[in-house]
N, C-alpha and C. Protein backbone atom coordinates (compact mmCIF):
# COMPACT_ATOMS: atom_id res chain seq x y z
N MET A 1 28.66 7.17 9.64
CA MET A 1 28.57 7.29 11.09
C MET A 1 29.89 6.84 11.70
N SER A 2 30.35 7.50 12.69
CA SER A 2 31.60 7.17 13.35
C SER A 2 31.48 5.88 14.12
N THR A 3 32.55 5.06 14.07
CA THR A 3 32.56 3.81 14.84
C THR A 3 32.68 4.08 16.33
N GLU A 4 33.01 5.32 16.68
CA GLU A 4 33.14 5.72 18.09
C GLU A 4 31.85 5.44 18.86
N PHE A 5 30.72 5.41 18.19
CA PHE A 5 29.43 5.27 18.85
C PHE A 5 28.75 3.94 18.55
N GLU A 6 29.52 2.89 18.22
CA GLU A 6 28.92 1.60 17.86
C GLU A 6 28.02 1.03 18.96
N GLU A 7 28.33 1.32 20.23
CA GLU A 7 27.48 0.80 21.31
C GLU A 7 26.11 1.46 21.29
N ASP A 8 25.97 2.51 20.52
CA ASP A 8 24.70 3.22 20.42
C ASP A 8 23.96 2.85 19.14
N ILE A 9 24.08 1.58 18.76
CA ILE A 9 23.40 1.07 17.57
C ILE A 9 22.34 0.07 18.01
N CYS A 10 21.16 0.22 17.46
CA CYS A 10 20.10 -0.78 17.60
C CYS A 10 19.67 -1.17 16.20
N TYR A 11 18.91 -2.22 16.12
CA TYR A 11 18.38 -2.67 14.84
C TYR A 11 16.86 -2.68 14.93
N VAL A 12 16.23 -2.11 13.92
CA VAL A 12 14.79 -2.01 13.86
C VAL A 12 14.28 -3.04 12.86
N ILE A 13 13.40 -3.92 13.32
CA ILE A 13 12.79 -4.92 12.46
C ILE A 13 11.35 -4.48 12.23
N LEU A 14 11.07 -4.04 11.01
CA LEU A 14 9.72 -3.61 10.65
C LEU A 14 8.99 -4.82 10.07
N LEU A 15 7.91 -5.23 10.72
CA LEU A 15 7.12 -6.40 10.30
C LEU A 15 5.87 -5.94 9.56
N SER A 16 5.68 -6.49 8.37
CA SER A 16 4.52 -6.11 7.55
C SER A 16 3.74 -7.36 7.16
N PRO A 17 2.39 -7.27 7.17
CA PRO A 17 1.57 -8.41 6.77
C PRO A 17 1.84 -8.80 5.31
N THR A 18 1.78 -10.09 5.04
CA THR A 18 1.91 -10.60 3.67
C THR A 18 0.53 -11.05 3.20
N GLU A 19 0.46 -11.55 1.99
CA GLU A 19 -0.80 -12.09 1.47
C GLU A 19 -1.25 -13.32 2.26
N GLN A 20 -0.33 -13.98 2.94
CA GLN A 20 -0.67 -15.15 3.76
C GLN A 20 -1.12 -14.77 5.17
N ASP A 21 -1.21 -13.48 5.45
CA ASP A 21 -1.56 -13.02 6.79
C ASP A 21 -2.86 -13.64 7.26
N ARG A 22 -2.85 -14.07 8.50
CA ARG A 22 -4.06 -14.60 9.14
C ARG A 22 -3.87 -14.49 10.65
N ARG A 23 -4.97 -14.44 11.36
CA ARG A 23 -4.91 -14.39 12.82
C ARG A 23 -4.88 -15.83 13.33
N ASP A 24 -3.70 -16.27 13.72
CA ASP A 24 -3.48 -17.64 14.17
C ASP A 24 -2.87 -17.56 15.56
N MET A 25 -3.65 -17.95 16.57
CA MET A 25 -3.21 -17.81 17.95
C MET A 25 -1.94 -18.61 18.25
N GLU A 26 -1.75 -19.73 17.60
CA GLU A 26 -0.54 -20.52 17.81
C GLU A 26 0.70 -19.74 17.33
N ILE A 27 0.58 -19.10 16.17
CA ILE A 27 1.69 -18.30 15.65
C ILE A 27 1.92 -17.07 16.52
N ILE A 28 0.85 -16.45 16.96
CA ILE A 28 0.98 -15.26 17.82
C ILE A 28 1.69 -15.64 19.12
N ARG A 29 1.30 -16.76 19.73
CA ARG A 29 1.96 -17.20 20.97
C ARG A 29 3.43 -17.51 20.72
N ALA A 30 3.75 -18.11 19.59
CA ALA A 30 5.14 -18.41 19.25
C ALA A 30 5.94 -17.11 19.06
N HIS A 31 5.32 -16.12 18.43
CA HIS A 31 5.96 -14.81 18.25
C HIS A 31 6.25 -14.18 19.61
N VAL A 32 5.28 -14.23 20.51
CA VAL A 32 5.47 -13.67 21.86
C VAL A 32 6.58 -14.42 22.60
N ALA A 33 6.64 -15.74 22.45
CA ALA A 33 7.71 -16.53 23.08
C ALA A 33 9.08 -16.10 22.53
N HIS A 34 9.13 -15.83 21.24
CA HIS A 34 10.37 -15.33 20.61
C HIS A 34 10.78 -14.00 21.24
N LEU A 35 9.82 -13.10 21.43
CA LEU A 35 10.10 -11.81 22.05
C LEU A 35 10.58 -11.99 23.49
N GLN A 36 9.95 -12.92 24.21
CA GLN A 36 10.35 -13.18 25.59
C GLN A 36 11.78 -13.72 25.66
N GLU A 37 12.14 -14.56 24.71
CA GLU A 37 13.50 -15.09 24.64
C GLU A 37 14.50 -13.95 24.42
N LEU A 38 14.17 -13.03 23.52
CA LEU A 38 15.03 -11.89 23.27
C LEU A 38 15.14 -11.02 24.53
N GLU A 39 14.02 -10.85 25.22
CA GLU A 39 14.02 -10.05 26.44
C GLU A 39 14.89 -10.69 27.52
N ARG A 40 14.76 -11.99 27.70
CA ARG A 40 15.58 -12.69 28.70
C ARG A 40 17.07 -12.58 28.37
N GLY A 41 17.39 -12.55 27.08
CA GLY A 41 18.78 -12.43 26.65
C GLY A 41 19.31 -11.01 26.62
N GLY A 42 18.47 -10.05 27.03
CA GLY A 42 18.90 -8.66 27.07
C GLY A 42 18.98 -8.00 25.71
N GLN A 43 18.37 -8.60 24.69
CA GLN A 43 18.44 -8.05 23.33
C GLN A 43 17.24 -7.19 22.95
N LEU A 44 16.10 -7.43 23.57
CA LEU A 44 14.89 -6.69 23.21
C LEU A 44 14.91 -5.31 23.84
N VAL A 45 14.74 -4.29 23.01
CA VAL A 45 14.68 -2.91 23.49
C VAL A 45 13.22 -2.49 23.62
N LEU A 46 12.47 -2.58 22.54
CA LEU A 46 11.05 -2.24 22.49
C LEU A 46 10.39 -3.06 21.39
N CYS A 47 9.08 -3.24 21.52
CA CYS A 47 8.35 -3.92 20.45
C CYS A 47 6.86 -3.63 20.58
N GLY A 48 6.15 -3.84 19.49
CA GLY A 48 4.71 -3.70 19.54
C GLY A 48 4.11 -3.47 18.16
N PRO A 49 2.79 -3.65 18.08
CA PRO A 49 2.09 -3.42 16.81
C PRO A 49 1.86 -1.92 16.61
N PHE A 50 1.71 -1.52 15.37
CA PHE A 50 1.36 -0.14 15.07
C PHE A 50 -0.13 0.05 15.36
N ALA A 51 -0.48 1.19 15.92
CA ALA A 51 -1.88 1.49 16.24
C ALA A 51 -2.62 2.07 15.04
N ASP A 52 -1.87 2.63 14.08
CA ASP A 52 -2.52 3.33 12.98
C ASP A 52 -2.27 2.70 11.61
N ALA A 53 -1.66 1.53 11.60
CA ALA A 53 -1.36 0.85 10.33
C ALA A 53 -1.10 -0.62 10.61
N PRO A 54 -1.23 -1.47 9.61
CA PRO A 54 -0.94 -2.89 9.82
C PRO A 54 0.55 -3.11 10.10
N GLY A 55 0.86 -4.14 10.85
CA GLY A 55 2.25 -4.50 11.11
C GLY A 55 2.73 -4.01 12.46
N GLY A 56 4.02 -4.10 12.66
CA GLY A 56 4.60 -3.71 13.92
C GLY A 56 6.10 -3.57 13.82
N MET A 57 6.74 -3.36 14.97
CA MET A 57 8.15 -3.09 15.00
C MET A 57 8.78 -3.77 16.20
N VAL A 58 9.97 -4.32 16.01
CA VAL A 58 10.76 -4.90 17.08
C VAL A 58 12.13 -4.22 17.02
N ILE A 59 12.56 -3.65 18.13
CA ILE A 59 13.86 -3.00 18.20
C ILE A 59 14.75 -3.86 19.09
N VAL A 60 15.92 -4.24 18.54
CA VAL A 60 16.83 -5.13 19.27
C VAL A 60 18.24 -4.57 19.29
N ARG A 61 19.00 -5.06 20.24
CA ARG A 61 20.44 -4.87 20.26
C ARG A 61 21.04 -6.20 19.81
N ALA A 62 22.05 -6.12 18.96
CA ALA A 62 22.71 -7.32 18.46
C ALA A 62 24.17 -7.00 18.20
N GLU A 63 24.99 -8.04 18.15
CA GLU A 63 26.43 -7.87 17.94
C GLU A 63 26.75 -7.33 16.55
N SER A 64 25.87 -7.59 15.60
CA SER A 64 26.12 -7.17 14.22
C SER A 64 24.80 -7.13 13.46
N ARG A 65 24.86 -6.56 12.27
CA ARG A 65 23.68 -6.56 11.41
C ARG A 65 23.30 -8.00 11.05
N ALA A 66 24.30 -8.85 10.83
CA ALA A 66 24.03 -10.25 10.51
C ALA A 66 23.30 -10.94 11.67
N ALA A 67 23.69 -10.65 12.89
CA ALA A 67 23.02 -11.23 14.06
C ALA A 67 21.58 -10.72 14.15
N ALA A 68 21.37 -9.45 13.86
CA ALA A 68 20.02 -8.89 13.87
C ALA A 68 19.18 -9.53 12.77
N GLU A 69 19.78 -9.77 11.62
CA GLU A 69 19.08 -10.43 10.50
C GLU A 69 18.62 -11.83 10.93
N GLU A 70 19.47 -12.54 11.65
CA GLU A 70 19.12 -13.88 12.14
C GLU A 70 17.95 -13.81 13.13
N ILE A 71 17.95 -12.81 13.99
CA ILE A 71 16.84 -12.61 14.93
C ILE A 71 15.54 -12.43 14.15
N ALA A 72 15.57 -11.59 13.12
CA ALA A 72 14.38 -11.33 12.31
C ALA A 72 13.91 -12.60 11.60
N ARG A 73 14.84 -13.34 11.04
CA ARG A 73 14.48 -14.57 10.31
C ARG A 73 13.90 -15.65 11.20
N ARG A 74 14.30 -15.66 12.49
CA ARG A 74 13.81 -16.66 13.46
C ARG A 74 12.40 -16.36 13.97
N ASP A 75 11.92 -15.14 13.77
CA ASP A 75 10.61 -14.77 14.29
C ASP A 75 9.55 -15.66 13.65
N PRO A 76 8.71 -16.31 14.45
CA PRO A 76 7.67 -17.18 13.90
C PRO A 76 6.76 -16.48 12.89
N TYR A 77 6.55 -15.18 13.03
CA TYR A 77 5.78 -14.46 12.03
C TYR A 77 6.44 -14.56 10.66
N VAL A 78 7.75 -14.45 10.63
CA VAL A 78 8.51 -14.50 9.38
C VAL A 78 8.63 -15.95 8.90
N VAL A 79 8.94 -16.86 9.82
CA VAL A 79 9.09 -18.28 9.48
C VAL A 79 7.83 -18.82 8.81
N THR A 80 6.67 -18.45 9.32
CA THR A 80 5.41 -18.96 8.77
C THR A 80 4.95 -18.19 7.54
N GLY A 81 5.59 -17.07 7.25
CA GLY A 81 5.24 -16.31 6.06
C GLY A 81 4.08 -15.35 6.21
N ILE A 82 3.59 -15.16 7.43
CA ILE A 82 2.47 -14.22 7.58
C ILE A 82 2.95 -12.77 7.69
N ARG A 83 4.26 -12.60 7.91
CA ARG A 83 4.87 -11.27 7.94
C ARG A 83 6.17 -11.31 7.14
N SER A 84 6.43 -10.21 6.47
CA SER A 84 7.74 -9.98 5.88
C SER A 84 8.43 -8.98 6.80
N TYR A 85 9.72 -8.81 6.60
CA TYR A 85 10.41 -7.84 7.45
C TYR A 85 11.36 -6.99 6.64
N GLU A 86 11.63 -5.82 7.18
CA GLU A 86 12.67 -4.94 6.68
C GLU A 86 13.55 -4.62 7.87
N LEU A 87 14.84 -4.74 7.71
CA LEU A 87 15.78 -4.50 8.81
C LEU A 87 16.48 -3.16 8.59
N ARG A 88 16.48 -2.35 9.61
CA ARG A 88 17.15 -1.05 9.56
C ARG A 88 18.17 -0.97 10.70
N THR A 89 19.31 -0.37 10.43
CA THR A 89 20.32 -0.08 11.45
C THR A 89 20.03 1.32 11.96
N TRP A 90 19.89 1.45 13.27
CA TRP A 90 19.45 2.69 13.88
C TRP A 90 20.53 3.23 14.82
N GLY A 91 21.11 4.35 14.47
CA GLY A 91 22.07 5.01 15.34
C GLY A 91 21.33 5.87 16.35
N LEU A 92 21.61 5.65 17.62
CA LEU A 92 20.91 6.38 18.67
C LEU A 92 21.61 7.71 18.96
N SER A 93 20.86 8.77 18.98
CA SER A 93 21.36 10.11 19.27
C SER A 93 20.78 10.53 20.62
N HIS A 94 21.68 10.86 21.56
CA HIS A 94 21.21 11.25 22.90
C HIS A 94 22.30 12.07 23.60
N ALA A 95 21.95 12.64 24.73
CA ALA A 95 22.89 13.49 25.47
C ALA A 95 24.16 12.72 25.85
N GLY A 96 24.03 11.44 26.17
CA GLY A 96 25.18 10.64 26.59
C GLY A 96 26.26 10.51 25.54
N ASN A 97 25.90 10.60 24.26
CA ASN A 97 26.92 10.56 23.20
C ASN A 97 27.00 11.92 22.48
N ARG A 98 26.56 12.97 23.19
CA ARG A 98 26.53 14.33 22.65
C ARG A 98 25.88 14.36 21.28
N HIS A 99 24.76 13.66 21.19
CA HIS A 99 23.99 13.57 19.94
C HIS A 99 24.92 13.24 18.77
N MET A 100 25.57 12.05 18.98
CA MET A 100 26.48 11.47 17.98
C MET A 100 27.68 12.37 17.73
N GLY A 101 28.11 13.07 18.80
CA GLY A 101 29.29 13.93 18.71
C GLY A 101 29.04 15.28 18.10
N MET A 102 27.80 15.61 17.83
CA MET A 102 27.48 16.84 17.11
C MET A 102 27.06 17.99 18.03
N ALA A 103 26.69 17.69 19.27
CA ALA A 103 26.21 18.73 20.17
C ALA A 103 27.38 19.47 20.81
N ALA A 104 27.16 20.72 21.12
CA ALA A 104 28.17 21.51 21.86
C ALA A 104 28.34 20.89 23.24
N GLU A 105 29.50 21.08 23.79
CA GLU A 105 29.78 20.54 25.13
C GLU A 105 28.73 20.97 26.05
């Protein structure tokens, strides 16, 4: 991917239940507080649980993949071990960047 479009990068944190998964309201509230902190800092793009499968997704903006990794590791779901995560780098394709430079003028 061209570095020309680095501002059009988000990071996707896929959260999956582990064997330690349990419904713990204290952990859930801490997870929501984590999301609110990201939102206040302008880093949260979208988040929510999957409706058709266990787990959920958090999409963030971060300065680097390492910074996004730190965000994922700080999530109380991950800290407590009830969720594991997979981090993906997501290049955004849209009219504003001519679909990553590939669209006709």
